[in-house]
Amino acid sequence: MHRDREFVIGRYIFIFLVATGVLSCLKEDETTHETRLKAPARTYSVTARIDNKEAGNDSQATGILKGKYDERTKVLSFSISFEGVETRAIRFKKGARGSAGSLVWNIAANENGSYKTPVSGQKVL
């Protein structure tokens, strides 16, 4: 009878240890999975060109935007060069290619209301 009692207690201890081991493994798997979901922050290079093919007209004006976007800081650094055009406004818009898009921000002109190429700056997005 004493031996049966030890067997039952030993059985409960064994079940407890197995359950504890399984639960601790499950928790480690969830933590590891969460860690894998976090991608490292990246920096992207951005280049955009505009000419008469892109604009769909016969203008000889050209322009190029070069920039970098830092995912961690959410900062877009840019430089815009252009020639053959008297620039009255420089605007950043978002939208599908070929659409007018919605305004994100205007780049301020010089004191006399004009822009001198290249125009550069930064914007937190």
PDB file of N, CA and C in Angstrom:
ATOM      1  N   MET A   1       0.824  -1.184   0.000  1.00  0.00           N
ATOM      2  CA  MET A   1       0.000   0.000   0.000  1.00  0.00           C
ATOM      3  C   MET A   1       0.874   1.255   0.000  1.00  0.00           C
ATOM      4  N   HIS A   2       1.945   1.196   0.780  1.00  0.00           N
ATOM      5  CA  HIS A   2       2.865   2.322   0.824  1.00  0.00           C
ATOM      6  C   HIS A   2       3.525   2.501  -0.546  1.00  0.00           C
ATOM      7  N   ARG A   3       3.812   1.409  -1.187  1.00  0.00           N
ATOM      8  CA  ARG A   3       4.431   1.446  -2.512  1.00  0.00           C
ATOM      9  C   ARG A   3       3.463   2.003  -3.555  1.00  0.00           C
ATOM     10  N   ASP A   4       2.194   1.690  -3.471  1.00  0.00           N
ATOM     11  CA  ASP A   4       1.183   2.223  -4.382  1.00  0.00           C
ATOM     12  C   ASP A   4       1.064   3.739  -4.233  1.00  0.00           C
ATOM     13  N   ARG A   5       1.164   4.181  -2.990  1.00  0.00           N
ATOM     14  CA  ARG A   5       1.067   5.613  -2.716  1.00  0.00           C
ATOM     15  C   ARG A   5       2.261   6.361  -3.335  1.00  0.00           C
ATOM     16  N   GLU A   6       3.463   5.809  -3.230  1.00  0.00           N
ATOM     17  CA  GLU A   6       4.643   6.405  -3.837  1.00  0.00           C
ATOM     18  C   GLU A   6       4.523   6.421  -5.350  1.00  0.00           C
ATOM     19  N   PHE A   7       3.944   5.389  -5.913  1.00  0.00           N
ATOM     20  CA  PHE A   7       3.758   5.306  -7.360  1.00  0.00           C
ATOM     21  C   PHE A   7       2.819   6.419  -7.843  1.00  0.00           C
ATOM     22  N   VAL A   8       1.728   6.653  -7.118  1.00  0.00           N
ATOM     23  CA  VAL A   8       0.758   7.694  -7.486  1.00  0.00           C
ATOM     24  C   VAL A   8       1.405   9.076  -7.361  1.00  0.00           C
ATOM     25  N   ILE A   9       2.137   9.318  -6.284  1.00  0.00           N
ATOM     26  CA  ILE A   9       2.803  10.610  -6.090  1.00  0.00           C
ATOM     27  C   ILE A   9       3.856  10.813  -7.188  1.00  0.00           C
ATOM     28  N   GLY A  10       4.615   9.779  -7.454  1.00  0.00           N
ATOM     29  CA  GLY A  10       5.633   9.857  -8.508  1.00  0.00           C
ATOM     30  C   GLY A  10       4.996  10.140  -9.867  1.00  0.00           C
ATOM     31  N   ARG A  11       3.856   9.542 -10.094  1.00  0.00           N
ATOM     32  CA  ARG A  11       3.133   9.751 -11.354  1.00  0.00           C
ATOM     33  C   ARG A  11       2.703  11.217 -11.487  1.00  0.00           C
ATOM     34  N   TYR A  12       2.173  11.809 -10.410  1.00  0.00           N
ATOM     35  CA  TYR A  12       1.754  13.218 -10.431  1.00  0.00           C
ATOM     36  C   TYR A  12       2.954  14.148 -10.644  1.00  0.00           C
ATOM     37  N   ILE A  13       4.062  13.823  -9.996  1.00  0.00           N
ATOM     38  CA  ILE A  13       5.266  14.636 -10.176  1.00  0.00           C
ATOM     39  C   ILE A  13       5.743  14.566 -11.623  1.00  0.00           C
ATOM     40  N   PHE A  14       5.716  13.373 -12.195  1.00  0.00           N
ATOM     41  CA  PHE A  14       6.118  13.197 -13.589  1.00  0.00           C
ATOM     42  C   PHE A  14       5.208  14.001 -14.526  1.00  0.00           C
ATOM     43  N   ILE A  15       3.908  13.939 -14.330  1.00  0.00           N
ATOM     44  CA  ILE A  15       2.949  14.677 -15.157  1.00  0.00           C
ATOM     45  C   ILE A  15       3.182  16.181 -15.007  1.00  0.00           C
ATOM     46  N   PHE A  16       3.427  16.632 -13.768  1.00  0.00           N
ATOM     47  CA  PHE A  16       3.690  18.049 -13.527  1.00  0.00           C
ATOM     48  C   PHE A  16       4.942  18.506 -14.274  1.00  0.00           C
ATOM     49  N   LEU A  17       6.015  17.726 -14.205  1.00  0.00           N
ATOM     50  CA  LEU A  17       7.261  18.093 -14.880  1.00  0.00           C
ATOM     51  C   LEU A  17       7.097  18.120 -16.397  1.00  0.00           C
ATOM     52  N   VAL A  18       6.386  17.154 -16.945  1.00  0.00           N
ATOM     53  CA  VAL A  18       6.160  17.125 -18.393  1.00  0.00           C
ATOM     54  C   VAL A  18       5.328  18.335 -18.820  1.00  0.00           C
ATOM     55  N   ALA A  19       4.274  18.652 -18.073  1.00  0.00           N
ATOM     56  CA  ALA A  19       3.421  19.796 -18.409  1.00  0.00           C
ATOM     57  C   ALA A  19       4.213  21.103 -18.319  1.00  0.00           C
ATOM     58  N   THR A  20       5.041  21.244 -17.293  1.00  0.00           N
ATOM     59  CA  THR A  20       5.859  22.443 -17.143  1.00  0.00           C
ATOM     60  C   THR A  20       6.829  22.571 -18.310  1.00  0.00           C
ATOM     61  N   GLY A  21       7.436  21.487 -18.692  1.00  0.00           N
ATOM     62  CA  GLY A  21       8.372  21.504 -19.829  1.00  0.00           C
ATOM     63  C   GLY A  21       7.681  21.881 -21.125  1.00  0.00           C
ATOM     64  N   VAL A  22       6.520  21.334 -21.377  1.00  0.00           N
ATOM     65  CA  VAL A  22       5.781  21.649 -22.602  1.00  0.00           C
ATOM     66  C   VAL A  22       5.381  23.119 -22.620  1.00  0.00           C
ATOM     67  N   LEU A  23       4.856  23.629 -21.507  1.00  0.00           N
ATOM     68  CA  LEU A  23       4.437  25.029 -21.450  1.00  0.00           C
ATOM     69  C   LEU A  23       5.614  25.981 -21.617  1.00  0.00           C
ATOM     70  N   SER A  24       6.759  25.659 -21.033  1.00  0.00           N
ATOM     71  CA  SER A  24       7.917  26.544 -21.185  1.00  0.00           C
ATOM     72  C   SER A  24       8.419  26.531 -22.621  1.00  0.00           C
ATOM     73  N   CYS A  25       8.344  25.406 -23.306  1.00  0.00           N
ATOM     74  CA  CYS A  25       8.750  25.346 -24.711  1.00  0.00           C
ATOM     75  C   CYS A  25       7.811  26.169 -25.577  1.00  0.00           C
ATOM     76  N   LEU A  26       6.537  26.119 -25.306  1.00  0.00           N
ATOM     77  CA  LEU A  26       5.577  26.901 -26.072  1.00  0.00           C
ATOM     78  C   LEU A  26       5.845  28.388 -25.909  1.00  0.00           C
ATOM     79  N   LYS A  27       6.157  28.819 -24.715  1.00  0.00           N
ATOM     80  CA  LYS A  27       6.420  30.235 -24.474  1.00  0.00           C
ATOM     81  C   LYS A  27       7.677  30.671 -25.220  1.00  0.00           C
ATOM     82  N   GLU A  28       8.716  29.863 -25.247  1.00  0.00           N
ATOM     83  CA  GLU A  28       9.935  30.195 -25.972  1.00  0.00           C
ATOM     84  C   GLU A  28       9.657  30.315 -27.460  1.00  0.00           C
ATOM     85  N   ASP A  29       8.824  29.407 -28.005  1.00  0.00           N
ATOM     86  CA  ASP A  29       8.503  29.464 -29.417  1.00  0.00           C
ATOM     87  C   ASP A  29       7.793  30.760 -29.769  1.00  0.00           C
ATOM     88  N   GLU A  30       6.858  31.219 -28.925  1.00  0.00           N
ATOM     89  CA  GLU A  30       6.145  32.459 -29.193  1.00  0.00           C
ATOM     90  C   GLU A  30       7.101  33.648 -29.162  1.00  0.00           C
ATOM     91  N   THR A  31       8.007  33.684 -28.190  1.00  0.00           N
ATOM     92  CA  THR A  31       8.972  34.780 -28.079  1.00  0.00           C
ATOM     93  C   THR A  31       9.888  34.793 -29.296  1.00  0.00           C
ATOM     94  N   THR A  32      10.368  33.643 -29.697  1.00  0.00           N
ATOM     95  CA  THR A  32      11.237  33.552 -30.860  1.00  0.00           C
ATOM     96  C   THR A  32      10.500  34.007 -32.103  1.00  0.00           C
ATOM     97  N   HIS A  33       9.238  33.616 -32.249  1.00  0.00           N
ATOM     98  CA  HIS A  33       8.438  34.002 -33.411  1.00  0.00           C
ATOM     99  C   HIS A  33       8.252  35.514 -33.454  1.00  0.00           C
ATOM    100  N   GLU A  34       7.978  36.151 -32.318  1.00  0.00           N
ATOM    101  CA  GLU A  34       7.799  37.599 -32.268  1.00  0.00           C
ATOM    102  C   GLU A  34       9.083  38.307 -32.677  1.00  0.00           C
ATOM    103  N   THR A  35      10.219  37.799 -32.253  1.00  0.00           N
ATOM    104  CA  THR A  35      11.497  38.409 -32.582  1.00  0.00           C
ATOM    105  C   THR A  35      11.752  38.332 -34.087  1.00  0.00           C
ATOM    106  N   ARG A  36      11.389  37.230 -34.712  1.00  0.00           N
ATOM    107  CA  ARG A  36      11.598  37.080 -36.141  1.00  0.00           C
ATOM    108  C   ARG A  36      10.715  38.012 -36.957  1.00  0.00           C
ATOM    109  N   LEU A  37       9.593  38.443 -36.419  1.00  0.00           N
ATOM    110  CA  LEU A  37       8.685  39.309 -37.156  1.00  0.00           C
ATOM    111  C   LEU A  37       9.202  40.739 -37.275  1.00  0.00           C
ATOM    112  N   LYS A  38      10.095  41.149 -36.399  1.00  0.00           N
ATOM    113  CA  LYS A  38      10.611  42.511 -36.424  1.00  0.00           C
ATOM    114  C   LYS A  38      11.753  42.601 -37.433  1.00  0.00           C
ATOM    115  N   ALA A  39      11.475  43.234 -38.555  1.00  0.00           N
ATOM    116  CA  ALA A  39      12.493  43.398 -39.596  1.00  0.00           C
ATOM    117  C   ALA A  39      13.403  44.565 -39.234  1.00  0.00           C
ATOM    118  N   PRO A  40      14.653  44.504 -39.641  1.00  0.00           N
ATOM    119  CA  PRO A  40      15.544  45.629 -39.359  1.00  0.00           C
ATOM    120  C   PRO A  40      15.128  46.856 -40.166  1.00  0.00           C
ATOM    121  N   ALA A  41      15.382  48.029 -39.610  1.00  0.00           N
ATOM    122  CA  ALA A  41      15.077  49.273 -40.317  1.00  0.00           C
ATOM    123  C   ALA A  41      16.008  49.382 -41.520  1.00  0.00           C
ATOM    124  N   ARG A  42      15.485  49.883 -42.620  1.00  0.00           N
ATOM    125  CA  ARG A  42      16.266  49.981 -43.855  1.00  0.00           C
ATOM    126  C   ARG A  42      16.320  51.420 -44.334  1.00  0.00           C
ATOM    127  N   THR A  43      17.273  51.672 -45.216  1.00  0.00           N
ATOM    128  CA  THR A  43      17.386  52.952 -45.899  1.00  0.00           C
ATOM    129  C   THR A  43      17.169  52.693 -47.383  1.00  0.00           C
ATOM    130  N   TYR A  44      16.319  53.489 -47.998  1.00  0.00           N
ATOM    131  CA  TYR A  44      15.994  53.325 -49.412  1.00  0.00           C
ATOM    132  C   TYR A  44      16.535  54.495 -50.214  1.00  0.00           C
ATOM    133  N   SER A  45      17.045  54.220 -51.405  1.00  0.00           N
ATOM    134  CA  SER A  45      17.435  55.267 -52.345  1.00  0.00           C
ATOM    135  C   SER A  45      16.280  55.479 -53.297  1.00  0.00           C
ATOM    136  N   VAL A  46      16.005  56.762 -53.600  1.00  0.00           N
ATOM    137  CA  VAL A  46      14.872  57.117 -54.457  1.00  0.00           C
ATOM    138  C   VAL A  46      15.402  57.960 -55.604  1.00  0.00           C
ATOM    139  N   THR A  47      14.993  57.638 -56.828  1.00  0.00           N
ATOM    140  CA  THR A  47      15.342  58.446 -57.993  1.00  0.00           C
ATOM    141  C   THR A  47      14.099  58.574 -58.863  1.00  0.00           C
ATOM    142  N   ALA A  48      13.804  59.792 -59.291  1.00  0.00           N
ATOM    143  CA  ALA A  48      12.670  60.030 -60.192  1.00  0.00           C
ATOM    144  C   ALA A  48      13.112  61.030 -61.245  1.00  0.00           C
ATOM    145  N   ARG A  49      12.770  60.755 -62.488  1.00  0.00           N
ATOM    146  CA  ARG A  49      13.111  61.650 -63.600  1.00  0.00           C
ATOM    147  C   ARG A  49      11.829  62.113 -64.274  1.00  0.00           C
ATOM    148  N   ILE A  50      11.874  63.318 -64.821  1.00  0.00           N
ATOM    149  CA  ILE A  50      10.751  63.823 -65.602  1.00  0.00           C
ATOM    150  C   ILE A  50      11.298  64.444 -66.885  1.00  0.00           C
ATOM    151  N   ASP A  51      10.667  64.122 -67.982  1.00  0.00           N
ATOM    152  CA  ASP A  51      11.000  64.721 -69.276  1.00  0.00           C
ATOM    153  C   ASP A  51       9.732  64.721 -70.119  1.00  0.00           C
ATOM    154  N   ASN A  52       9.864  65.070 -71.418  1.00  0.00           N
ATOM    155  CA  ASN A  52       8.665  65.181 -72.231  1.00  0.00           C
ATOM    156  C   ASN A  52       7.960  63.841 -72.462  1.00  0.00           C
ATOM    157  N   LYS A  53       8.669  62.729 -72.392  1.00  0.00           N
ATOM    158  CA  LYS A  53       8.011  61.415 -72.515  1.00  0.00           C
ATOM    159  C   LYS A  53       7.101  61.168 -71.319  1.00  0.00           C
ATOM    160  N   GLU A  54       7.623  61.421 -70.123  1.00  0.00           N
ATOM    161  CA  GLU A  54       6.845  61.211 -68.900  1.00  0.00           C
ATOM    162  C   GLU A  54       5.695  62.205 -68.786  1.00  0.00           C
ATOM    163  N   ALA A  55       5.949  63.457 -69.189  1.00  0.00           N
ATOM    164  CA  ALA A  55       4.939  64.506 -69.055  1.00  0.00           C
ATOM    165  C   ALA A  55       3.886  64.433 -70.152  1.00  0.00           C
ATOM    166  N   GLY A  56       4.211  63.773 -71.252  1.00  0.00           N
ATOM    167  CA  GLY A  56       3.245  63.642 -72.342  1.00  0.00           C
ATOM    168  C   GLY A  56       3.060  64.930 -73.129  1.00  0.00           C
ATOM    169  N   ASN A  57       4.151  65.717 -73.274  1.00  0.00           N
ATOM    170  CA  ASN A  57       4.064  66.960 -74.054  1.00  0.00           C
ATOM    171  C   ASN A  57       5.370  67.139 -74.820  1.00  0.00           C
ATOM    172  N   ASP A  58       5.534  68.302 -75.493  1.00  0.00           N
ATOM    173  CA  ASP A  58       6.740  68.533 -76.286  1.00  0.00           C
ATOM    174  C   ASP A  58       7.747  69.456 -75.599  1.00  0.00           C
ATOM    175  N   SER A  59       7.631  69.642 -74.309  1.00  0.00           N
ATOM    176  CA  SER A  59       8.543  70.487 -73.555  1.00  0.00           C
ATOM    177  C   SER A  59       9.951  69.894 -73.564  1.00  0.00           C
ATOM    178  N   GLN A  60      10.944  70.774 -73.571  1.00  0.00           N
ATOM    179  CA  GLN A  60      12.342  70.337 -73.504  1.00  0.00           C
ATOM    180  C   GLN A  60      12.865  70.372 -72.069  1.00  0.00           C
ATOM    181  N   ALA A  61      12.023  70.719 -71.116  1.00  0.00           N
ATOM    182  CA  ALA A  61      12.422  70.776 -69.707  1.00  0.00           C
ATOM    183  C   ALA A  61      12.674  69.370 -69.172  1.00  0.00           C
ATOM    184  N   THR A  62      13.631  69.284 -68.243  1.00  0.00           N
ATOM    185  CA  THR A  62      13.932  68.013 -67.588  1.00  0.00           C
ATOM    186  C   THR A  62      14.130  68.253 -66.102  1.00  0.00           C
ATOM    187  N   GLY A  63      13.976  67.203 -65.348  1.00  0.00           N
ATOM    188  CA  GLY A  63      14.203  67.290 -63.915  1.00  0.00           C
ATOM    189  C   GLY A  63      14.533  65.935 -63.343  1.00  0.00           C
ATOM    190  N   ILE A  64      15.217  65.943 -62.214  1.00  0.00           N
ATOM    191  CA  ILE A  64      15.552  64.695 -61.534  1.00  0.00           C
ATOM    192  C   ILE A  64      15.494  64.921 -60.027  1.00  0.00           C
ATOM    193  N   LEU A  65      14.928  63.963 -59.341  1.00  0.00           N
ATOM    194  CA  LEU A  65      14.899  63.957 -57.882  1.00  0.00           C
ATOM    195  C   LEU A  65      15.745  62.781 -57.429  1.00  0.00           C
ATOM    196  N   LYS A  66      16.660  63.032 -56.515  1.00  0.00           N
ATOM    197  CA  LYS A  66      17.446  61.968 -55.882  1.00  0.00           C
ATOM    198  C   LYS A  66      17.237  62.105 -54.386  1.00  0.00           C
ATOM    199  N   GLY A  67      17.015  60.987 -53.739  1.00  0.00           N
ATOM    200  CA  GLY A  67      16.772  61.055 -52.310  1.00  0.00           C
ATOM    201  C   GLY A  67      17.062  59.763 -51.594  1.00  0.00           C
ATOM    202  N   LYS A  68      16.982  59.850 -50.281  1.00  0.00           N
ATOM    203  CA  LYS A  68      17.122  58.680 -49.414  1.00  0.00           C
ATOM    204  C   LYS A  68      16.028  58.746 -48.365  1.00  0.00           C
ATOM    205  N   TYR A  69      15.447  57.583 -48.079  1.00  0.00           N
ATOM    206  CA  TYR A  69      14.426  57.494 -47.033  1.00  0.00           C
ATOM    207  C   TYR A  69      14.917  56.524 -45.979  1.00  0.00           C
ATOM    208  N   ASP A  70      14.968  56.984 -44.724  1.00  0.00           N
ATOM    209  CA  ASP A  70      15.395  56.164 -43.598  1.00  0.00           C
ATOM    210  C   ASP A  70      14.158  55.674 -42.856  1.00  0.00           C
ATOM    211  N   GLU A  71      13.944  54.376 -42.891  1.00  0.00           N
ATOM    212  CA  GLU A  71      12.768  53.766 -42.264  1.00  0.00           C
ATOM    213  C   GLU A  71      12.751  53.975 -40.747  1.00  0.00           C
ATOM    214  N   ARG A  72      13.919  53.992 -40.131  1.00  0.00           N
ATOM    215  CA  ARG A  72      14.001  54.138 -38.679  1.00  0.00           C
ATOM    216  C   ARG A  72      13.590  55.541 -38.242  1.00  0.00           C
ATOM    217  N   THR A  73      14.140  56.576 -38.892  1.00  0.00           N
ATOM    218  CA  THR A  73      13.857  57.955 -38.507  1.00  0.00           C
ATOM    219  C   THR A  73      12.658  58.534 -39.256  1.00  0.00           C
ATOM    220  N   LYS A  74      12.233  57.860 -40.342  1.00  0.00           N
ATOM    221  CA  LYS A  74      11.131  58.308 -41.202  1.00  0.00           C
ATOM    222  C   LYS A  74      11.437  59.639 -41.887  1.00  0.00           C
ATOM    223  N   VAL A  75      12.735  59.878 -42.174  1.00  0.00           N
ATOM    224  CA  VAL A  75      13.171  61.120 -42.808  1.00  0.00           C
ATOM    225  C   VAL A  75      13.490  60.858 -44.275  1.00  0.00           C
ATOM    226  N   LEU A  76      12.916  61.710 -45.142  1.00  0.00           N
ATOM    227  CA  LEU A  76      13.251  61.714 -46.556  1.00  0.00           C
ATOM    228  C   LEU A  76      14.186  62.896 -46.797  1.00  0.00           C
ATOM    229  N   SER A  77      15.410  62.613 -47.265  1.00  0.00           N
ATOM    230  CA  SER A  77      16.369  63.647 -47.664  1.00  0.00           C
ATOM    231  C   SER A  77      16.371  63.670 -49.183  1.00  0.00           C
ATOM    232  N   PHE A  78      16.336  64.849 -49.782  1.00  0.00           N
ATOM    233  CA  PHE A  78      16.193  64.910 -51.228  1.00  0.00           C
ATOM    234  C   PHE A  78      16.974  66.071 -51.833  1.00  0.00           C
ATOM    235  N   SER A  79      17.225  65.937 -53.137  1.00  0.00           N
ATOM    236  CA  SER A  79      17.805  66.990 -53.954  1.00  0.00           C
ATOM    237  C   SER A  79      17.088  66.940 -55.302  1.00  0.00           C
ATOM    238  N   ILE A  80      16.603  68.110 -55.768  1.00  0.00           N
ATOM    239  CA  ILE A  80      15.878  68.186 -57.034  1.00  0.00           C
ATOM    240  C   ILE A  80      16.628  69.146 -57.949  1.00  0.00           C
ATOM    241  N   SER A  81      16.989  68.638 -59.136  1.00  0.00           N
ATOM    242  CA  SER A  81      17.656  69.465 -60.153  1.00  0.00           C
ATOM    243  C   SER A  81      16.725  69.555 -61.356  1.00  0.00           C
ATOM    244  N   PHE A  82      16.722  70.722 -62.016  1.00  0.00           N
ATOM    245  CA  PHE A  82      15.866  70.897 -63.197  1.00  0.00           C
ATOM    246  C   PHE A  82      16.503  71.910 -64.134  1.00  0.00           C
ATOM    247  N   GLU A  83      16.100  71.856 -65.406  1.00  0.00           N
ATOM    248  CA  GLU A  83      16.567  72.835 -66.387  1.00  0.00           C
ATOM    249  C   GLU A  83      15.529  72.972 -67.484  1.00  0.00           C
ATOM    250  N   GLY A  84      15.546  74.141 -68.103  1.00  0.00           N
ATOM    251  CA  GLY A  84      14.630  74.395 -69.207  1.00  0.00           C
ATOM    252  C   GLY A  84      13.228  74.768 -68.772  1.00  0.00           C
ATOM    253  N   VAL A  85      13.067  75.157 -67.516  1.00  0.00           N
ATOM    254  CA  VAL A  85      11.737  75.504 -67.023  1.00  0.00           C
ATOM    255  C   VAL A  85      11.855  76.579 -65.955  1.00  0.00           C
ATOM    256  N   GLU A  86      10.908  77.503 -65.941  1.00  0.00           N
ATOM    257  CA  GLU A  86      10.807  78.469 -64.852  1.00  0.00           C
ATOM    258  C   GLU A  86       9.856  77.849 -63.833  1.00  0.00           C
ATOM    259  N   THR A  87      10.408  77.414 -62.731  1.00  0.00           N
ATOM    260  CA  THR A  87       9.632  76.669 -61.744  1.00  0.00           C
ATOM    261  C   THR A  87       8.862  77.616 -60.843  1.00  0.00           C
ATOM    262  N   ARG A  88       7.556  77.415 -60.770  1.00  0.00           N
ATOM    263  CA  ARG A  88       6.692  78.253 -59.932  1.00  0.00           C
ATOM    264  C   ARG A  88       6.277  77.557 -58.641  1.00  0.00           C
ATOM    265  N   ALA A  89       6.335  76.232 -58.633  1.00  0.00           N
ATOM    266  CA  ALA A  89       5.962  75.485 -57.427  1.00  0.00           C
ATOM    267  C   ALA A  89       6.620  74.108 -57.472  1.00  0.00           C
ATOM    268  N   ILE A  90       7.033  73.642 -56.316  1.00  0.00           N
ATOM    269  CA  ILE A  90       7.524  72.270 -56.188  1.00  0.00           C
ATOM    270  C   ILE A  90       6.702  71.638 -55.074  1.00  0.00           C
ATOM    271  N   ARG A  91       6.013  70.582 -55.430  1.00  0.00           N
ATOM    272  CA  ARG A  91       5.112  69.916 -54.489  1.00  0.00           C
ATOM    273  C   ARG A  91       5.376  68.423 -54.476  1.00  0.00           C
ATOM    274  N   PHE A  92       5.294  67.846 -53.301  1.00  0.00           N
ATOM    275  CA  PHE A  92       5.337  66.397 -53.151  1.00  0.00           C
ATOM    276  C   PHE A  92       3.902  65.925 -53.007  1.00  0.00           C
ATOM    277  N   LYS A  93       3.529  64.978 -53.854  1.00  0.00           N
ATOM    278  CA  LYS A  93       2.178  64.425 -53.818  1.00  0.00           C
ATOM    279  C   LYS A  93       2.279  62.912 -53.752  1.00  0.00           C
ATOM    280  N   LYS A  94       1.207  62.290 -53.284  1.00  0.00           N
ATOM    281  CA  LYS A  94       1.174  60.828 -53.298  1.00  0.00           C
ATOM    282  C   LYS A  94      -0.050  60.385 -54.076  1.00  0.00           C
ATOM    283  N   GLY A  95       0.108  59.287 -54.793  1.00  0.00           N
ATOM    284  CA  GLY A  95      -0.984  58.762 -55.592  1.00  0.00           C
ATOM    285  C   GLY A  95      -0.453  57.814 -56.640  1.00  0.00           C
ATOM    286  N   ALA A  96      -1.353  57.227 -57.373  1.00  0.00           N
ATOM    287  CA  ALA A  96      -0.976  56.287 -58.427  1.00  0.00           C
ATOM    288  C   ALA A  96      -0.281  57.020 -59.560  1.00  0.00           C
ATOM    289  N   ARG A  97       0.608  56.327 -60.235  1.00  0.00           N
ATOM    290  CA  ARG A  97       1.326  56.913 -61.374  1.00  0.00           C
ATOM    291  C   ARG A  97       0.312  57.401 -62.408  1.00  0.00           C
ATOM    292  N   GLY A  98       0.536  58.619 -62.900  1.00  0.00           N
ATOM    293  CA  GLY A  98      -0.350  59.188 -63.907  1.00  0.00           C
ATOM    294  C   GLY A  98      -1.513  59.978 -63.333  1.00  0.00           C
ATOM    295  N   SER A  99      -1.739  59.878 -62.025  1.00  0.00           N
ATOM    296  CA  SER A  99      -2.831  60.638 -61.401  1.00  0.00           C
ATOM    297  C   SER A  99      -2.286  61.937 -60.813  1.00  0.00           C
ATOM    298  N   ALA A 100      -3.185  62.887 -60.538  1.00  0.00           N
ATOM    299  CA  ALA A 100      -2.773  64.156 -59.928  1.00  0.00           C
ATOM    300  C   ALA A 100      -2.275  63.935 -58.507  1.00  0.00           C
ATOM    301  N   GLY A 101      -2.794  62.951 -57.799  1.00  0.00           N
ATOM    302  CA  GLY A 101      -2.364  62.644 -56.438  1.00  0.00           C
ATOM    303  C   GLY A 101      -2.811  63.689 -55.438  1.00  0.00           C
ATOM    304  N   SER A 102      -2.609  63.377 -54.177  1.00  0.00           N
ATOM    305  CA  SER A 102      -2.976  64.314 -53.113  1.00  0.00           C
ATOM    306  C   SER A 102      -1.704  64.946 -52.540  1.00  0.00           C
ATOM    307  N   LEU A 103      -1.810  66.207 -52.171  1.00  0.00           N
ATOM    308  CA  LEU A 103      -0.671  66.983 -51.692  1.00  0.00           C
ATOM    309  C   LEU A 103      -0.163  66.461 -50.352  1.00  0.00           C
ATOM    310  N   VAL A 104       1.164  66.257 -50.272  1.00  0.00           N
ATOM    311  CA  VAL A 104       1.810  65.877 -49.020  1.00  0.00           C
ATOM    312  C   VAL A 104       2.443  67.125 -48.401  1.00  0.00           C
ATOM    313  N   TRP A 105       3.239  67.879 -49.190  1.00  0.00           N
ATOM    314  CA  TRP A 105       3.770  69.155 -48.731  1.00  0.00           C
ATOM    315  C   TRP A 105       4.335  69.957 -49.904  1.00  0.00           C
ATOM    316  N   ASN A 106       4.390  71.277 -49.712  1.00  0.00           N
ATOM    317  CA  ASN A 106       4.996  72.217 -50.669  1.00  0.00           C
ATOM    318  C   ASN A 106       6.408  72.535 -50.214  1.00  0.00           C
ATOM    319  N   ILE A 107       7.302  72.707 -51.167  1.00  0.00           N
ATOM    320  CA  ILE A 107       8.638  73.190 -50.849  1.00  0.00           C
ATOM    321  C   ILE A 107       8.613  74.696 -51.040  1.00  0.00           C
ATOM    322  N   ALA A 108       9.009  75.425 -50.022  1.00  0.00           N
ATOM    323  CA  ALA A 108       8.962  76.884 -50.059  1.00  0.00           C
ATOM    324  C   ALA A 108       9.944  77.441 -51.090  1.00  0.00           C
ATOM    325  N   ALA A 109       9.527  78.495 -51.791  1.00  0.00           N
ATOM    326  CA  ALA A 109      10.361  79.167 -52.783  1.00  0.00           C
ATOM    327  C   ALA A 109      11.305  80.148 -52.090  1.00  0.00           C
ATOM    328  N   ASN A 110      12.248  80.682 -52.851  1.00  0.00           N
ATOM    329  CA  ASN A 110      13.138  81.734 -52.344  1.00  0.00           C
ATOM    330  C   ASN A 110      12.326  82.989 -52.054  1.00  0.00           C
ATOM    331  N   GLU A 111      12.980  84.002 -51.523  1.00  0.00           N
ATOM    332  CA  GLU A 111      12.303  85.256 -51.176  1.00  0.00           C
ATOM    333  C   GLU A 111      11.609  85.896 -52.371  1.00  0.00           C
ATOM    334  N   ASN A 112      12.203  85.777 -53.571  1.00  0.00           N
ATOM    335  CA  ASN A 112      11.603  86.391 -54.761  1.00  0.00           C
ATOM    336  C   ASN A 112      10.561  85.479 -55.423  1.00  0.00           C
ATOM    337  N   GLY A 113      10.219  84.382 -54.783  1.00  0.00           N
ATOM    338  CA  GLY A 113       9.176  83.483 -55.297  1.00  0.00           C
ATOM    339  C   GLY A 113       9.650  82.504 -56.350  1.00  0.00           C
ATOM    340  N   SER A 114      10.963  82.357 -56.500  1.00  0.00           N
ATOM    341  CA  SER A 114      11.485  81.420 -57.497  1.00  0.00           C
ATOM    342  C   SER A 114      12.285  80.310 -56.825  1.00  0.00           C
ATOM    343  N   TYR A 115      12.717  79.364 -57.628  1.00  0.00           N
ATOM    344  CA  TYR A 115      13.528  78.246 -57.147  1.00  0.00           C
ATOM    345  C   TYR A 115      14.835  78.239 -57.923  1.00  0.00           C
ATOM    346  N   LYS A 116      15.937  78.029 -57.221  1.00  0.00           N
ATOM    347  CA  LYS A 116      17.240  77.910 -57.871  1.00  0.00           C
ATOM    348  C   LYS A 116      17.663  76.448 -57.782  1.00  0.00           C
ATOM    349  N   THR A 117      18.022  75.867 -58.919  1.00  0.00           N
ATOM    350  CA  THR A 117      18.412  74.461 -58.946  1.00  0.00           C
ATOM    351  C   THR A 117      19.828  74.299 -58.389  1.00  0.00           C
ATOM    352  N   PRO A 118      20.149  73.330 -57.631  1.00  0.00           N
ATOM    353  CA  PRO A 118      19.274  72.290 -57.091  1.00  0.00           C
ATOM    354  C   PRO A 118      18.560  72.754 -55.815  1.00  0.00           C
ATOM    355  N   VAL A 119      17.405  72.184 -55.604  1.00  0.00           N
ATOM    356  CA  VAL A 119      16.636  72.416 -54.374  1.00  0.00           C
ATOM    357  C   VAL A 119      16.818  71.172 -53.519  1.00  0.00           C
ATOM    358  N   SER A 120      17.182  71.358 -52.259  1.00  0.00           N
ATOM    359  CA  SER A 120      17.384  70.180 -51.404  1.00  0.00           C
ATOM    360  C   SER A 120      16.775  70.439 -50.038  1.00  0.00           C
ATOM    361  N   GLY A 121      16.554  69.362 -49.317  1.00  0.00           N
ATOM    362  CA  GLY A 121      15.984  69.473 -47.984  1.00  0.00           C
ATOM    363  C   GLY A 121      15.681  68.118 -47.376  1.00  0.00           C
ATOM    364  N   GLN A 122      14.965  68.154 -46.262  1.00  0.00           N
ATOM    365  CA  GLN A 122      14.559  66.939 -45.549  1.00  0.00           C
ATOM    366  C   GLN A 122      13.131  67.109 -45.077  1.00  0.00           C
ATOM    367  N   LYS A 123      12.438  65.987 -44.942  1.00  0.00           N
ATOM    368  CA  LYS A 123      11.067  66.007 -44.451  1.00  0.00           C
ATOM    369  C   LYS A 123      10.799  64.731 -43.664  1.00  0.00           C
ATOM    370  N   VAL A 124      10.248  64.880 -42.481  1.00  0.00           N
ATOM    371  CA  VAL A 124       9.824  63.716 -41.690  1.00  0.00           C
ATOM    372  C   VAL A 124       8.464  63.286 -42.219  1.00  0.00           C
ATOM    373  N   LEU A 125       8.344  62.058 -42.645  1.00  0.00           N
ATOM    374  CA  LEU A 125       7.072  61.562 -43.201  1.00  0.00           C
ATOM    375  C   LEU A 125       6.272  60.805 -42.168  1.00  0.00           C
TER     376      LEU A 125
END
